[in-house]
Amino acid sequence: MVESDSDGTGHRYGIVVARFNPVVTEALLEGAIRGFLDHGVAEEAIEVHRVPGAWELPPASARLVERGGIDGIVALGCVIRGETPHFDFVAGEASRGLGSLAITASIPVIFGVLTTETLEQALVRAGSQSDDWADNKGWEAAVAAIEMANLYRALR
């Protein structure tokens, strides 16, 4: 069995984060940045791009892949179920778009979009009830990006 490699030293990463539901997405962003820093990625090697909502995550991430110059992307957002089918459309398209991009991109594209029933559930997943960064899904997504970037390099 091969151990995972979560050393991000010398890597560059892009984070695309939705502004919608900012109390959650800003916590995810903070977690992702902390995850990268905790694993050796230099602060100046992390670029953050903000988009209006989860719907815009796939096209912005695709442009970042096209531009190049990074080792991976973390897409962060939060879609909370409401009283209309809007949740299904936005969450579904964000998932499909990022999933499709992840399959075709030459770098890892990590899905860090929370899809929850309530704000409270989202806040828990963004680490609000823990002092451990590993309980923040943004932190978890950053570590996944590093591990996958290292795997992609090893498979070349």
N, C-alpha and C. Protein backbone atom coordinates (compact mmCIF):
# COMPACT_ATOMS: atom_id res chain seq x y z
N MET A 1 0.84 -1.18 0.00
CA MET A 1 0.00 0.00 0.00
C MET A 1 0.88 1.24 0.00
N VAL A 2 0.51 2.22 -0.80
CA VAL A 2 1.27 3.46 -0.92
C VAL A 2 0.64 4.50 0.01
N GLU A 3 1.47 5.16 0.79
CA GLU A 3 1.00 6.24 1.66
C GLU A 3 0.67 7.47 0.81
N SER A 4 -0.26 8.27 1.28
CA SER A 4 -0.58 9.51 0.58
C SER A 4 0.54 10.51 0.79
N ASP A 5 0.74 11.36 -0.18
CA ASP A 5 1.78 12.39 -0.13
C ASP A 5 1.09 13.74 -0.06
N SER A 6 1.15 14.36 1.10
CA SER A 6 0.48 15.65 1.28
C SER A 6 1.47 16.79 1.48
N ASP A 7 2.64 16.67 0.85
CA ASP A 7 3.63 17.75 0.91
C ASP A 7 3.40 18.67 -0.28
N GLY A 8 3.01 19.90 0.01
CA GLY A 8 2.72 20.87 -1.04
C GLY A 8 3.84 21.85 -1.30
N THR A 9 5.02 21.58 -0.77
CA THR A 9 6.14 22.49 -0.95
C THR A 9 6.43 22.72 -2.44
N GLY A 10 6.52 23.97 -2.82
CA GLY A 10 6.83 24.32 -4.21
C GLY A 10 5.63 24.31 -5.15
N HIS A 11 4.47 23.97 -4.65
CA HIS A 11 3.27 23.94 -5.48
C HIS A 11 2.57 25.30 -5.49
N ARG A 12 1.70 25.47 -6.50
CA ARG A 12 0.82 26.65 -6.61
C ARG A 12 -0.61 26.14 -6.76
N TYR A 13 -1.54 26.80 -6.09
CA TYR A 13 -2.93 26.38 -6.13
C TYR A 13 -3.87 27.55 -6.34
N GLY A 14 -5.00 27.25 -6.97
CA GLY A 14 -6.06 28.21 -7.13
C GLY A 14 -7.26 27.77 -6.30
N ILE A 15 -7.88 28.74 -5.67
CA ILE A 15 -9.14 28.50 -4.96
C ILE A 15 -10.19 29.37 -5.64
N VAL A 16 -11.28 28.74 -6.05
CA VAL A 16 -12.41 29.47 -6.60
C VAL A 16 -13.52 29.34 -5.56
N VAL A 17 -13.97 30.47 -5.04
CA VAL A 17 -14.92 30.45 -3.93
C VAL A 17 -16.15 31.29 -4.24
N ALA A 18 -17.31 30.73 -3.97
CA ALA A 18 -18.57 31.44 -4.18
C ALA A 18 -18.80 32.44 -3.05
N ARG A 19 -19.34 33.60 -3.41
CA ARG A 19 -19.67 34.61 -2.42
C ARG A 19 -21.02 34.35 -1.75
N PHE A 20 -21.89 33.58 -2.39
CA PHE A 20 -23.21 33.30 -1.83
C PHE A 20 -23.05 32.47 -0.56
N ASN A 21 -23.83 32.75 0.46
CA ASN A 21 -23.71 32.13 1.79
C ASN A 21 -22.33 32.41 2.40
N PRO A 22 -21.96 33.68 2.48
CA PRO A 22 -20.60 34.04 2.89
C PRO A 22 -20.19 33.60 4.28
N VAL A 23 -21.12 33.48 5.21
CA VAL A 23 -20.73 33.04 6.55
C VAL A 23 -20.13 31.63 6.48
N VAL A 24 -20.58 30.85 5.52
CA VAL A 24 -20.06 29.49 5.33
C VAL A 24 -18.86 29.50 4.39
N THR A 25 -18.98 30.16 3.25
CA THR A 25 -17.90 30.07 2.26
C THR A 25 -16.62 30.76 2.73
N GLU A 26 -16.74 31.80 3.53
CA GLU A 26 -15.53 32.44 4.05
C GLU A 26 -14.83 31.52 5.05
N ALA A 27 -15.61 30.76 5.83
CA ALA A 27 -15.00 29.78 6.74
C ALA A 27 -14.33 28.66 5.96
N LEU A 28 -14.95 28.22 4.87
CA LEU A 28 -14.34 27.19 4.02
C LEU A 28 -13.04 27.72 3.40
N LEU A 29 -13.08 28.97 2.94
CA LEU A 29 -11.89 29.58 2.36
C LEU A 29 -10.76 29.65 3.38
N GLU A 30 -11.09 30.09 4.58
CA GLU A 30 -10.07 30.16 5.63
C GLU A 30 -9.49 28.77 5.90
N GLY A 31 -10.35 27.76 5.92
CA GLY A 31 -9.89 26.40 6.13
C GLY A 31 -8.99 25.91 5.00
N ALA A 32 -9.36 26.22 3.76
CA ALA A 32 -8.55 25.79 2.62
C ALA A 32 -7.17 26.44 2.65
N ILE A 33 -7.14 27.72 2.91
CA ILE A 33 -5.85 28.41 2.99
C ILE A 33 -5.00 27.80 4.10
N ARG A 34 -5.60 27.57 5.27
CA ARG A 34 -4.89 26.95 6.39
C ARG A 34 -4.39 25.57 5.99
N GLY A 35 -5.20 24.79 5.28
CA GLY A 35 -4.78 23.47 4.83
C GLY A 35 -3.57 23.52 3.92
N PHE A 36 -3.57 24.46 3.00
CA PHE A 36 -2.40 24.61 2.12
C PHE A 36 -1.18 25.02 2.91
N LEU A 37 -1.33 26.01 3.77
CA LEU A 37 -0.19 26.48 4.56
C LEU A 37 0.35 25.38 5.48
N ASP A 38 -0.55 24.62 6.10
CA ASP A 38 -0.15 23.53 6.99
C ASP A 38 0.66 22.45 6.27
N HIS A 39 0.53 22.39 4.97
CA HIS A 39 1.19 21.33 4.20
C HIS A 39 2.27 21.87 3.26
N GLY A 40 2.81 23.03 3.60
CA GLY A 40 4.01 23.51 2.93
C GLY A 40 3.81 24.42 1.74
N VAL A 41 2.58 24.74 1.39
CA VAL A 41 2.35 25.66 0.27
C VAL A 41 2.58 27.08 0.77
N ALA A 42 3.38 27.84 0.04
CA ALA A 42 3.67 29.22 0.43
C ALA A 42 2.42 30.09 0.23
N GLU A 43 2.24 31.06 1.12
CA GLU A 43 1.07 31.93 1.04
C GLU A 43 0.95 32.61 -0.32
N GLU A 44 2.08 33.05 -0.88
CA GLU A 44 2.05 33.73 -2.17
C GLU A 44 1.77 32.77 -3.33
N ALA A 45 1.75 31.47 -3.06
CA ALA A 45 1.47 30.47 -4.09
C ALA A 45 0.00 30.04 -4.08
N ILE A 46 -0.82 30.76 -3.33
CA ILE A 46 -2.26 30.48 -3.25
C ILE A 46 -3.00 31.68 -3.83
N GLU A 47 -3.75 31.45 -4.89
CA GLU A 47 -4.53 32.54 -5.47
C GLU A 47 -6.01 32.26 -5.27
N VAL A 48 -6.73 33.31 -4.90
CA VAL A 48 -8.16 33.19 -4.60
C VAL A 48 -8.94 33.97 -5.65
N HIS A 49 -9.95 33.32 -6.21
CA HIS A 49 -10.84 33.95 -7.19
C HIS A 49 -12.27 33.79 -6.69
N ARG A 50 -12.99 34.89 -6.60
CA ARG A 50 -14.36 34.86 -6.09
C ARG A 50 -15.35 34.92 -7.25
N VAL A 51 -16.42 34.15 -7.11
CA VAL A 51 -17.51 34.13 -8.08
C VAL A 51 -18.82 34.36 -7.32
N PRO A 52 -19.89 34.75 -8.03
CA PRO A 52 -21.14 35.05 -7.33
C PRO A 52 -21.71 33.87 -6.53
N GLY A 53 -21.76 32.69 -7.12
CA GLY A 53 -22.37 31.54 -6.45
C GLY A 53 -21.82 30.23 -6.96
N ALA A 54 -22.40 29.13 -6.48
CA ALA A 54 -21.93 27.79 -6.86
C ALA A 54 -22.09 27.52 -8.35
N TRP A 55 -23.11 28.10 -8.96
CA TRP A 55 -23.34 27.92 -10.40
C TRP A 55 -22.13 28.36 -11.21
N GLU A 56 -21.45 29.39 -10.76
CA GLU A 56 -20.32 29.96 -11.51
C GLU A 56 -18.99 29.26 -11.23
N LEU A 57 -18.96 28.33 -10.30
CA LEU A 57 -17.71 27.64 -9.98
C LEU A 57 -17.13 26.85 -11.16
N PRO A 58 -17.93 26.04 -11.88
CA PRO A 58 -17.35 25.27 -12.99
C PRO A 58 -16.73 26.13 -14.10
N PRO A 59 -17.43 27.15 -14.63
CA PRO A 59 -16.79 27.91 -15.71
C PRO A 59 -15.55 28.68 -15.26
N ALA A 60 -15.57 29.23 -14.04
CA ALA A 60 -14.39 29.94 -13.56
C ALA A 60 -13.23 28.97 -13.35
N SER A 61 -13.52 27.80 -12.83
CA SER A 61 -12.47 26.79 -12.64
C SER A 61 -11.91 26.34 -13.98
N ALA A 62 -12.78 26.21 -14.97
CA ALA A 62 -12.31 25.81 -16.31
C ALA A 62 -11.35 26.85 -16.90
N ARG A 63 -11.66 28.14 -16.70
CA ARG A 63 -10.76 29.18 -17.21
C ARG A 63 -9.41 29.14 -16.48
N LEU A 64 -9.43 28.80 -15.22
CA LEU A 64 -8.20 28.69 -14.45
C LEU A 64 -7.36 27.51 -14.95
N VAL A 65 -8.00 26.40 -15.27
CA VAL A 65 -7.29 25.26 -15.86
C VAL A 65 -6.66 25.67 -17.18
N GLU A 66 -7.44 26.35 -18.03
CA GLU A 66 -6.94 26.79 -19.34
C GLU A 66 -5.74 27.71 -19.20
N ARG A 67 -5.82 28.63 -18.25
CA ARG A 67 -4.73 29.59 -18.05
C ARG A 67 -3.44 28.91 -17.64
N GLY A 68 -3.55 27.89 -16.79
CA GLY A 68 -2.37 27.16 -16.35
C GLY A 68 -1.62 27.86 -15.23
N GLY A 69 -0.45 27.33 -14.92
CA GLY A 69 0.41 27.92 -13.91
C GLY A 69 0.11 27.50 -12.48
N ILE A 70 -0.80 26.53 -12.31
CA ILE A 70 -1.12 26.04 -10.98
C ILE A 70 -1.11 24.51 -10.99
N ASP A 71 -1.01 23.94 -9.80
CA ASP A 71 -0.95 22.49 -9.65
C ASP A 71 -2.30 21.87 -9.32
N GLY A 72 -3.27 22.69 -8.96
CA GLY A 72 -4.59 22.17 -8.64
C GLY A 72 -5.54 23.29 -8.28
N ILE A 73 -6.83 22.93 -8.25
CA ILE A 73 -7.89 23.89 -7.95
C ILE A 73 -8.78 23.31 -6.87
N VAL A 74 -9.18 24.16 -5.94
CA VAL A 74 -10.21 23.82 -4.97
C VAL A 74 -11.39 24.74 -5.24
N ALA A 75 -12.55 24.16 -5.50
CA ALA A 75 -13.77 24.93 -5.73
C ALA A 75 -14.63 24.85 -4.46
N LEU A 76 -14.94 26.01 -3.89
CA LEU A 76 -15.67 26.08 -2.63
C LEU A 76 -17.00 26.81 -2.79
N GLY A 77 -18.03 26.24 -2.22
CA GLY A 77 -19.33 26.88 -2.24
C GLY A 77 -20.25 26.23 -1.23
N CYS A 78 -21.45 26.77 -1.13
CA CYS A 78 -22.44 26.24 -0.20
C CYS A 78 -23.82 26.46 -0.78
N VAL A 79 -24.56 25.35 -0.95
CA VAL A 79 -25.93 25.41 -1.43
C VAL A 79 -26.80 24.79 -0.35
N ILE A 80 -27.72 25.58 0.19
CA ILE A 80 -28.60 25.12 1.26
C ILE A 80 -30.00 24.95 0.69
N ARG A 81 -30.60 23.79 0.97
CA ARG A 81 -31.93 23.50 0.44
C ARG A 81 -32.94 24.54 0.94
N GLY A 82 -33.75 24.98 0.05
CA GLY A 82 -34.82 25.92 0.41
C GLY A 82 -36.17 25.31 0.09
N GLU A 83 -37.13 26.16 -0.16
CA GLU A 83 -38.49 25.70 -0.42
C GLU A 83 -38.79 25.52 -1.90
N THR A 84 -37.82 25.78 -2.77
CA THR A 84 -38.03 25.65 -4.21
C THR A 84 -37.01 24.67 -4.78
N PRO A 85 -37.18 24.24 -6.02
CA PRO A 85 -36.22 23.30 -6.63
C PRO A 85 -34.89 23.96 -7.02
N HIS A 86 -34.72 25.24 -6.72
CA HIS A 86 -33.47 25.94 -7.05
C HIS A 86 -32.24 25.17 -6.56
N PHE A 87 -32.32 24.63 -5.35
CA PHE A 87 -31.23 23.85 -4.77
C PHE A 87 -30.78 22.74 -5.72
N ASP A 88 -31.75 21.98 -6.24
CA ASP A 88 -31.43 20.84 -7.10
C ASP A 88 -30.71 21.28 -8.36
N PHE A 89 -31.15 22.37 -8.96
CA PHE A 89 -30.52 22.85 -10.17
C PHE A 89 -29.11 23.35 -9.92
N VAL A 90 -28.94 24.18 -8.91
CA VAL A 90 -27.63 24.77 -8.64
C VAL A 90 -26.65 23.71 -8.16
N ALA A 91 -27.04 22.92 -7.18
CA ALA A 91 -26.14 21.89 -6.65
C ALA A 91 -25.80 20.86 -7.73
N GLY A 92 -26.81 20.47 -8.50
CA GLY A 92 -26.58 19.48 -9.54
C GLY A 92 -25.64 19.96 -10.63
N GLU A 93 -25.84 21.18 -11.09
CA GLU A 93 -24.98 21.71 -12.15
C GLU A 93 -23.57 22.01 -11.65
N ALA A 94 -23.45 22.47 -10.42
CA ALA A 94 -22.10 22.68 -9.86
C ALA A 94 -21.37 21.34 -9.80
N SER A 95 -22.06 20.32 -9.34
CA SER A 95 -21.46 18.99 -9.24
C SER A 95 -21.10 18.43 -10.61
N ARG A 96 -22.04 18.49 -11.55
CA ARG A 96 -21.79 17.97 -12.89
C ARG A 96 -20.66 18.73 -13.58
N GLY A 97 -20.70 20.05 -13.49
CA GLY A 97 -19.68 20.86 -14.16
C GLY A 97 -18.29 20.63 -13.59
N LEU A 98 -18.17 20.62 -12.28
CA LEU A 98 -16.86 20.40 -11.67
C LEU A 98 -16.40 18.96 -11.87
N GLY A 99 -17.34 18.01 -11.82
CA GLY A 99 -16.98 16.61 -12.06
C GLY A 99 -16.47 16.38 -13.47
N SER A 100 -17.14 16.98 -14.44
CA SER A 100 -16.70 16.86 -15.83
C SER A 100 -15.33 17.49 -16.03
N LEU A 101 -15.13 18.66 -15.44
CA LEU A 101 -13.84 19.32 -15.54
C LEU A 101 -12.75 18.48 -14.87
N ALA A 102 -13.05 17.91 -13.73
CA ALA A 102 -12.05 17.10 -13.02
C ALA A 102 -11.59 15.91 -13.85
N ILE A 103 -12.48 15.34 -14.63
CA ILE A 103 -12.12 14.19 -15.46
C ILE A 103 -11.22 14.59 -16.62
N THR A 104 -11.44 15.75 -17.19
CA THR A 104 -10.70 16.15 -18.39
C THR A 104 -9.49 17.02 -18.12
N ALA A 105 -9.42 17.65 -16.97
CA ALA A 105 -8.31 18.57 -16.67
C ALA A 105 -7.02 17.82 -16.42
N SER A 106 -5.92 18.47 -16.71
CA SER A 106 -4.60 17.88 -16.48
C SER A 106 -4.13 18.09 -15.04
N ILE A 107 -4.91 18.82 -14.26
CA ILE A 107 -4.62 19.06 -12.85
C ILE A 107 -5.85 18.67 -12.04
N PRO A 108 -5.68 18.37 -10.76
CA PRO A 108 -6.85 18.02 -9.96
C PRO A 108 -7.77 19.22 -9.73
N VAL A 109 -9.07 18.95 -9.81
CA VAL A 109 -10.11 19.92 -9.50
C VAL A 109 -10.92 19.29 -8.36
N ILE A 110 -10.85 19.90 -7.20
CA ILE A 110 -11.44 19.31 -6.00
C ILE A 110 -12.78 19.98 -5.70
N PHE A 111 -13.78 19.16 -5.45
CA PHE A 111 -15.15 19.59 -5.16
C PHE A 111 -15.27 19.89 -3.68
N GLY A 112 -15.38 21.16 -3.34
CA GLY A 112 -15.54 21.59 -1.97
C GLY A 112 -16.83 22.35 -1.78
N VAL A 113 -17.89 21.85 -2.41
CA VAL A 113 -19.19 22.51 -2.33
C VAL A 113 -20.05 21.77 -1.33
N LEU A 114 -20.48 22.46 -0.30
CA LEU A 114 -21.38 21.86 0.68
C LEU A 114 -22.79 21.90 0.14
N THR A 115 -23.52 20.81 0.27
CA THR A 115 -24.93 20.75 -0.10
C THR A 115 -25.66 20.24 1.13
N THR A 116 -26.33 21.14 1.82
CA THR A 116 -26.93 20.79 3.10
C THR A 116 -28.40 21.16 3.15
N GLU A 117 -29.06 20.62 4.15
CA GLU A 117 -30.47 20.93 4.39
C GLU A 117 -30.64 22.25 5.13
N THR A 118 -29.66 22.57 6.00
CA THR A 118 -29.79 23.76 6.84
C THR A 118 -28.48 24.52 6.94
N LEU A 119 -28.59 25.77 7.35
CA LEU A 119 -27.41 26.57 7.60
C LEU A 119 -26.57 25.95 8.72
N GLU A 120 -27.23 25.44 9.73
CA GLU A 120 -26.52 24.84 10.86
C GLU A 120 -25.64 23.67 10.40
N GLN A 121 -26.16 22.83 9.52
CA GLN A 121 -25.37 21.71 8.98
C GLN A 121 -24.16 22.24 8.22
N ALA A 122 -24.37 23.29 7.45
CA ALA A 122 -23.27 23.87 6.68
C ALA A 122 -22.19 24.43 7.60
N LEU A 123 -22.60 25.11 8.65
CA LEU A 123 -21.63 25.69 9.58
C LEU A 123 -20.81 24.61 10.28
N VAL A 124 -21.44 23.50 10.62
CA VAL A 124 -20.69 22.39 11.23
C VAL A 124 -19.63 21.88 10.26
N ARG A 125 -19.99 21.72 8.99
CA ARG A 125 -19.05 21.21 7.99
C ARG A 125 -17.95 22.23 7.67
N ALA A 126 -18.23 23.48 7.98
CA ALA A 126 -17.21 24.54 7.80
C ALA A 126 -16.38 24.73 9.06
N GLY A 127 -16.54 23.82 10.02
CA GLY A 127 -15.69 23.82 11.20
C GLY A 127 -16.13 24.67 12.36
N SER A 128 -17.37 25.11 12.38
CA SER A 128 -17.81 26.05 13.42
C SER A 128 -17.84 25.45 14.82
N GLN A 129 -17.89 24.14 14.93
CA GLN A 129 -17.99 23.52 16.25
C GLN A 129 -16.72 22.79 16.67
N SER A 130 -15.60 23.17 16.06
CA SER A 130 -14.37 22.45 16.34
C SER A 130 -13.17 23.38 16.31
N ASP A 131 -12.19 23.05 17.11
CA ASP A 131 -10.92 23.78 17.07
C ASP A 131 -9.91 23.09 16.16
N ASP A 132 -10.31 21.96 15.57
CA ASP A 132 -9.43 21.18 14.71
C ASP A 132 -9.71 21.54 13.25
N TRP A 133 -8.71 22.08 12.56
CA TRP A 133 -8.88 22.47 11.16
C TRP A 133 -9.34 21.31 10.30
N ALA A 134 -8.98 20.09 10.67
CA ALA A 134 -9.37 18.92 9.87
C ALA A 134 -10.88 18.73 9.83
N ASP A 135 -11.62 19.40 10.71
CA ASP A 135 -13.08 19.33 10.70
C ASP A 135 -13.71 20.36 9.76
N ASN A 136 -12.88 21.13 9.08
CA ASN A 136 -13.33 22.13 8.12
C ASN A 136 -13.19 21.52 6.72
N LYS A 137 -14.28 21.43 5.98
CA LYS A 137 -14.25 20.79 4.65
C LYS A 137 -13.38 21.57 3.66
N GLY A 138 -13.15 22.85 3.89
CA GLY A 138 -12.20 23.59 3.05
C GLY A 138 -10.78 23.10 3.27
N TRP A 139 -10.41 22.88 4.52
CA TRP A 139 -9.09 22.33 4.87
C TRP A 139 -8.94 20.96 4.22
N GLU A 140 -9.95 20.14 4.36
CA GLU A 140 -9.94 18.79 3.79
C GLU A 140 -9.77 18.84 2.27
N ALA A 141 -10.44 19.77 1.61
CA ALA A 141 -10.33 19.89 0.16
C ALA A 141 -8.92 20.31 -0.26
N ALA A 142 -8.30 21.20 0.50
CA ALA A 142 -6.93 21.63 0.18
C ALA A 142 -5.96 20.46 0.28
N VAL A 143 -6.09 19.67 1.33
CA VAL A 143 -5.21 18.51 1.49
C VAL A 143 -5.44 17.51 0.37
N ALA A 144 -6.69 17.31 -0.04
CA ALA A 144 -6.99 16.43 -1.16
C ALA A 144 -6.34 16.94 -2.44
N ALA A 145 -6.36 18.26 -2.65
CA ALA A 145 -5.74 18.84 -3.85
C ALA A 145 -4.24 18.55 -3.87
N ILE A 146 -3.59 18.69 -2.74
CA ILE A 146 -2.15 18.42 -2.66
C ILE A 146 -1.87 16.95 -2.94
N GLU A 147 -2.61 16.06 -2.29
CA GLU A 147 -2.40 14.63 -2.50
C GLU A 147 -2.62 14.25 -3.96
N MET A 148 -3.67 14.79 -4.57
CA MET A 148 -3.95 14.47 -5.96
C MET A 148 -2.91 15.06 -6.91
N ALA A 149 -2.44 16.27 -6.62
CA ALA A 149 -1.38 16.85 -7.46
C ALA A 149 -0.12 16.00 -7.41
N ASN A 150 0.22 15.51 -6.24
CA ASN A 150 1.38 14.64 -6.11
C ASN A 150 1.17 13.32 -6.83
N LEU A 151 -0.05 12.78 -6.76
CA LEU A 151 -0.36 11.55 -7.49
C LEU A 151 -0.26 11.78 -9.00
N TYR A 152 -0.82 12.89 -9.49
CA TYR A 152 -0.75 13.19 -10.92
C TYR A 152 0.71 13.25 -11.37
N ARG A 153 1.56 13.88 -10.57
CA ARG A 153 2.99 13.96 -10.91
C ARG A 153 3.62 12.57 -10.96
N ALA A 154 3.27 11.73 -9.99
CA ALA A 154 3.85 10.39 -9.93
C ALA A 154 3.39 9.53 -11.11
N LEU A 155 2.21 9.79 -11.62
CA LEU A 155 1.66 8.99 -12.72
C LEU A 155 2.14 9.46 -14.10
N ARG A 156 2.84 10.58 -14.15
CA ARG A 156 3.33 11.08 -15.45
C ARG A 156 4.47 10.24 -15.94
